[in-house]
Amino acid sequence: MTLLMVTMLSFSDISRRALKQPGLEYISGYAKALQTGMIGFLISGAFLNLAYFDLLYLYIGLIPILRREIRERELQASREMQPTM
């Protein structure tokens, strides 16, 4: 249960952080879409068989990928702001 809550909160955090970075609005959309998809998966989970069991881990696995994209953009932006000598 904790893993599910942390995953949902992580998607919200990714969405907020992506909106702060110019050019990363699409990641915010991805995070919101994945969060919505996960909600739908959890609601319908009682009616699905084990063939869809791995989908939950796919949602969880996408969090570090989205965070890496945001972190790389933040590092790139901080390098651009540093004065060159």
N, C-alpha and C. Protein backbone atom coordinates (compact mmCIF):
# COMPACT_ATOMS: atom_id res chain seq x y z
N MET A 1 0.83 -1.19 0.00
CA MET A 1 0.00 0.00 0.00
C MET A 1 0.88 1.25 0.00
N THR A 2 1.96 1.20 0.77
CA THR A 2 2.87 2.34 0.83
C THR A 2 3.51 2.58 -0.53
N LEU A 3 3.86 1.52 -1.22
CA LEU A 3 4.47 1.65 -2.54
C LEU A 3 3.53 2.36 -3.51
N LEU A 4 2.26 2.06 -3.42
CA LEU A 4 1.28 2.71 -4.29
C LEU A 4 1.17 4.20 -3.98
N MET A 5 1.13 4.54 -2.72
CA MET A 5 1.03 5.96 -2.34
C MET A 5 2.28 6.74 -2.73
N VAL A 6 3.44 6.15 -2.52
CA VAL A 6 4.69 6.81 -2.89
C VAL A 6 4.74 7.01 -4.41
N THR A 7 4.27 6.05 -5.15
CA THR A 7 4.25 6.17 -6.61
C THR A 7 3.33 7.30 -7.04
N MET A 8 2.15 7.38 -6.47
CA MET A 8 1.22 8.46 -6.83
C MET A 8 1.79 9.82 -6.46
N LEU A 9 2.39 9.92 -5.29
CA LEU A 9 2.99 11.20 -4.88
C LEU A 9 4.19 11.55 -5.75
N SER A 10 4.93 10.56 -6.18
CA SER A 10 6.07 10.81 -7.06
C SER A 10 5.63 11.38 -8.40
N PHE A 11 4.55 10.85 -8.95
CA PHE A 11 4.05 11.40 -10.21
C PHE A 11 3.63 12.87 -10.03
N SER A 12 3.03 13.19 -8.89
CA SER A 12 2.65 14.59 -8.63
C SER A 12 3.88 15.48 -8.51
N ASP A 13 4.89 14.99 -7.82
CA ASP A 13 6.13 15.74 -7.66
C ASP A 13 6.82 15.96 -9.01
N ILE A 14 6.86 14.94 -9.82
CA ILE A 14 7.48 15.06 -11.15
C ILE A 14 6.72 16.09 -11.98
N SER A 15 5.42 16.07 -11.91
CA SER A 15 4.61 17.01 -12.68
C SER A 15 4.90 18.45 -12.26
N ARG A 16 4.98 18.70 -10.96
CA ARG A 16 5.27 20.06 -10.46
C ARG A 16 6.66 20.50 -10.86
N ARG A 17 7.65 19.63 -10.69
CA ARG A 17 9.03 19.99 -11.03
C ARG A 17 9.21 20.23 -12.52
N ALA A 18 8.51 19.47 -13.35
CA ALA A 18 8.64 19.63 -14.79
C ALA A 18 8.04 20.95 -15.26
N LEU A 19 6.98 21.40 -14.61
CA LEU A 19 6.38 22.67 -15.00
C LEU A 19 7.29 23.86 -14.69
N LYS A 20 8.20 23.70 -13.74
CA LYS A 20 9.13 24.79 -13.39
C LYS A 20 10.25 24.95 -14.39
N GLN A 21 10.51 23.92 -15.19
CA GLN A 21 11.60 23.95 -16.16
C GLN A 21 11.04 24.24 -17.55
N PRO A 22 11.53 25.29 -18.19
CA PRO A 22 11.05 25.55 -19.55
C PRO A 22 11.45 24.42 -20.50
N GLY A 23 10.53 24.04 -21.32
CA GLY A 23 10.77 22.97 -22.28
C GLY A 23 10.46 21.58 -21.78
N LEU A 24 10.06 21.45 -20.52
CA LEU A 24 9.75 20.13 -19.97
C LEU A 24 8.26 19.96 -19.66
N GLU A 25 7.45 20.77 -20.27
CA GLU A 25 6.02 20.67 -20.02
C GLU A 25 5.48 19.31 -20.44
N TYR A 26 6.10 18.72 -21.45
CA TYR A 26 5.63 17.41 -21.91
C TYR A 26 5.82 16.34 -20.84
N ILE A 27 6.87 16.46 -20.03
CA ILE A 27 7.08 15.49 -18.95
C ILE A 27 5.98 15.62 -17.91
N SER A 28 5.54 16.84 -17.65
CA SER A 28 4.43 17.04 -16.73
C SER A 28 3.18 16.34 -17.25
N GLY A 29 2.95 16.46 -18.55
CA GLY A 29 1.80 15.77 -19.15
C GLY A 29 1.93 14.26 -19.05
N TYR A 30 3.14 13.75 -19.27
CA TYR A 30 3.36 12.31 -19.13
C TYR A 30 3.08 11.85 -17.71
N ALA A 31 3.57 12.62 -16.73
CA ALA A 31 3.38 12.23 -15.33
C ALA A 31 1.90 12.22 -14.96
N LYS A 32 1.18 13.23 -15.42
CA LYS A 32 -0.26 13.27 -15.13
C LYS A 32 -0.99 12.13 -15.82
N ALA A 33 -0.61 11.82 -17.05
CA ALA A 33 -1.25 10.72 -17.78
C ALA A 33 -0.95 9.38 -17.12
N LEU A 34 0.29 9.19 -16.69
CA LEU A 34 0.64 7.93 -16.01
C LEU A 34 -0.09 7.81 -14.68
N GLN A 35 -0.22 8.93 -13.98
CA GLN A 35 -0.94 8.90 -12.71
C GLN A 35 -2.41 8.54 -12.94
N THR A 36 -3.01 9.12 -13.96
CA THR A 36 -4.40 8.80 -14.29
C THR A 36 -4.54 7.35 -14.72
N GLY A 37 -3.60 6.87 -15.51
CA GLY A 37 -3.63 5.47 -15.93
C GLY A 37 -3.49 4.52 -14.76
N MET A 38 -2.65 4.91 -13.81
CA MET A 38 -2.46 4.05 -12.64
C MET A 38 -3.73 4.01 -11.79
N ILE A 39 -4.40 5.14 -11.68
CA ILE A 39 -5.66 5.16 -10.93
C ILE A 39 -6.67 4.22 -11.59
N GLY A 40 -6.77 4.31 -12.91
CA GLY A 40 -7.67 3.42 -13.63
C GLY A 40 -7.30 1.96 -13.46
N PHE A 41 -5.99 1.68 -13.49
CA PHE A 41 -5.53 0.31 -13.29
C PHE A 41 -5.89 -0.19 -11.90
N LEU A 42 -5.71 0.65 -10.89
CA LEU A 42 -6.02 0.22 -9.53
C LEU A 42 -7.52 0.00 -9.33
N ILE A 43 -8.33 0.84 -9.95
CA ILE A 43 -9.78 0.68 -9.81
C ILE A 43 -10.24 -0.61 -10.49
N SER A 44 -9.71 -0.86 -11.66
CA SER A 44 -10.16 -2.05 -12.40
C SER A 44 -9.35 -3.30 -12.04
N GLY A 45 -8.39 -3.17 -11.14
CA GLY A 45 -7.52 -4.29 -10.79
C GLY A 45 -8.23 -5.50 -10.24
N ALA A 46 -9.35 -5.29 -9.63
CA ALA A 46 -10.10 -6.42 -9.07
C ALA A 46 -10.68 -7.30 -10.18
N PHE A 47 -10.81 -6.76 -11.37
CA PHE A 47 -11.44 -7.49 -12.47
C PHE A 47 -10.43 -8.02 -13.49
N LEU A 48 -9.14 -7.74 -13.29
CA LEU A 48 -8.11 -8.17 -14.24
C LEU A 48 -7.45 -9.46 -13.77
N ASN A 49 -6.94 -10.21 -14.72
CA ASN A 49 -6.23 -11.42 -14.34
C ASN A 49 -4.73 -11.10 -14.18
N LEU A 50 -3.94 -12.09 -13.92
CA LEU A 50 -2.52 -11.88 -13.66
C LEU A 50 -1.73 -11.46 -14.89
N ALA A 51 -2.32 -11.46 -16.06
CA ALA A 51 -1.61 -11.03 -17.27
C ALA A 51 -1.26 -9.55 -17.19
N TYR A 52 -2.00 -8.77 -16.42
CA TYR A 52 -1.76 -7.34 -16.30
C TYR A 52 -1.00 -6.98 -15.02
N PHE A 53 -0.54 -7.96 -14.30
CA PHE A 53 0.13 -7.73 -13.02
C PHE A 53 1.39 -6.88 -13.17
N ASP A 54 2.13 -7.08 -14.26
CA ASP A 54 3.39 -6.37 -14.46
C ASP A 54 3.21 -4.89 -14.78
N LEU A 55 2.03 -4.47 -15.14
CA LEU A 55 1.81 -3.07 -15.48
C LEU A 55 2.10 -2.15 -14.31
N LEU A 56 1.79 -2.58 -13.12
CA LEU A 56 2.08 -1.77 -11.94
C LEU A 56 3.57 -1.50 -11.81
N TYR A 57 4.39 -2.48 -12.07
CA TYR A 57 5.83 -2.30 -11.97
C TYR A 57 6.36 -1.43 -13.11
N LEU A 58 5.68 -1.42 -14.22
CA LEU A 58 6.05 -0.51 -15.30
C LEU A 58 5.83 0.93 -14.87
N TYR A 59 4.71 1.21 -14.23
CA TYR A 59 4.46 2.55 -13.71
C TYR A 59 5.54 2.96 -12.72
N ILE A 60 5.88 2.06 -11.83
CA ILE A 60 6.89 2.35 -10.82
C ILE A 60 8.25 2.56 -11.48
N GLY A 61 8.56 1.79 -12.50
CA GLY A 61 9.85 1.90 -13.19
C GLY A 61 10.00 3.16 -14.02
N LEU A 62 8.91 3.77 -14.40
CA LEU A 62 8.99 5.00 -15.19
C LEU A 62 9.34 6.23 -14.34
N ILE A 63 9.15 6.14 -13.04
CA ILE A 63 9.45 7.29 -12.17
C ILE A 63 10.93 7.68 -12.24
N PRO A 64 11.88 6.76 -12.08
CA PRO A 64 13.29 7.20 -12.15
C PRO A 64 13.67 7.74 -13.53
N ILE A 65 13.03 7.25 -14.57
CA ILE A 65 13.35 7.74 -15.91
C ILE A 65 12.90 9.19 -16.05
N LEU A 66 11.69 9.50 -15.61
CA LEU A 66 11.20 10.87 -15.69
C LEU A 66 12.01 11.80 -14.79
N ARG A 67 12.38 11.32 -13.61
CA ARG A 67 13.20 12.14 -12.71
C ARG A 67 14.58 12.41 -13.31
N ARG A 68 15.15 11.43 -13.99
CA ARG A 68 16.45 11.62 -14.62
C ARG A 68 16.38 12.69 -15.70
N GLU A 69 15.32 12.70 -16.47
CA GLU A 69 15.16 13.71 -17.51
C GLU A 69 15.10 15.11 -16.91
N ILE A 70 14.37 15.25 -15.82
CA ILE A 70 14.28 16.55 -15.15
C ILE A 70 15.63 16.95 -14.57
N ARG A 71 16.31 16.01 -13.93
CA ARG A 71 17.62 16.30 -13.31
C ARG A 71 18.63 16.70 -14.37
N GLU A 72 18.64 16.03 -15.52
CA GLU A 72 19.58 16.40 -16.58
C GLU A 72 19.31 17.81 -17.09
N ARG A 73 18.04 18.19 -17.22
CA ARG A 73 17.71 19.54 -17.67
C ARG A 73 18.11 20.57 -16.62
N GLU A 74 17.92 20.25 -15.34
CA GLU A 74 18.33 21.16 -14.28
C GLU A 74 19.85 21.35 -14.27
N LEU A 75 20.60 20.27 -14.47
CA LEU A 75 22.06 20.38 -14.53
C LEU A 75 22.50 21.19 -15.73
N GLN A 76 21.86 20.98 -16.85
CA GLN A 76 22.19 21.74 -18.05
C GLN A 76 21.90 23.22 -17.84
N ALA A 77 20.79 23.54 -17.21
CA ALA A 77 20.44 24.93 -16.96
C ALA A 77 21.42 25.58 -15.98
N SER A 78 21.87 24.82 -14.98
CA SER A 78 22.83 25.40 -14.02
C SER A 78 24.19 25.61 -14.66
N ARG A 79 24.58 24.75 -15.60
CA ARG A 79 25.85 24.94 -16.32
C ARG A 79 25.79 26.16 -17.22
N GLU A 80 24.64 26.40 -17.83
CA GLU A 80 24.49 27.56 -18.70
C GLU A 80 24.53 28.86 -17.93
N MET A 81 24.11 28.83 -16.67
CA MET A 81 24.08 30.04 -15.86
C MET A 81 25.45 30.38 -15.27
N GLN A 82 26.35 29.43 -15.22
CA GLN A 82 27.68 29.68 -14.66
C GLN A 82 28.48 30.53 -15.66
N PRO A 83 29.17 31.55 -15.15
CA PRO A 83 29.96 32.39 -16.06
C PRO A 83 31.18 31.62 -16.58
N THR A 84 31.47 31.84 -17.83
CA THR A 84 32.64 31.20 -18.43
C THR A 84 33.83 32.14 -18.34
N MET A 85 34.97 31.58 -18.07
CA MET A 85 36.17 32.40 -17.93
C MET A 85 37.14 32.12 -19.03
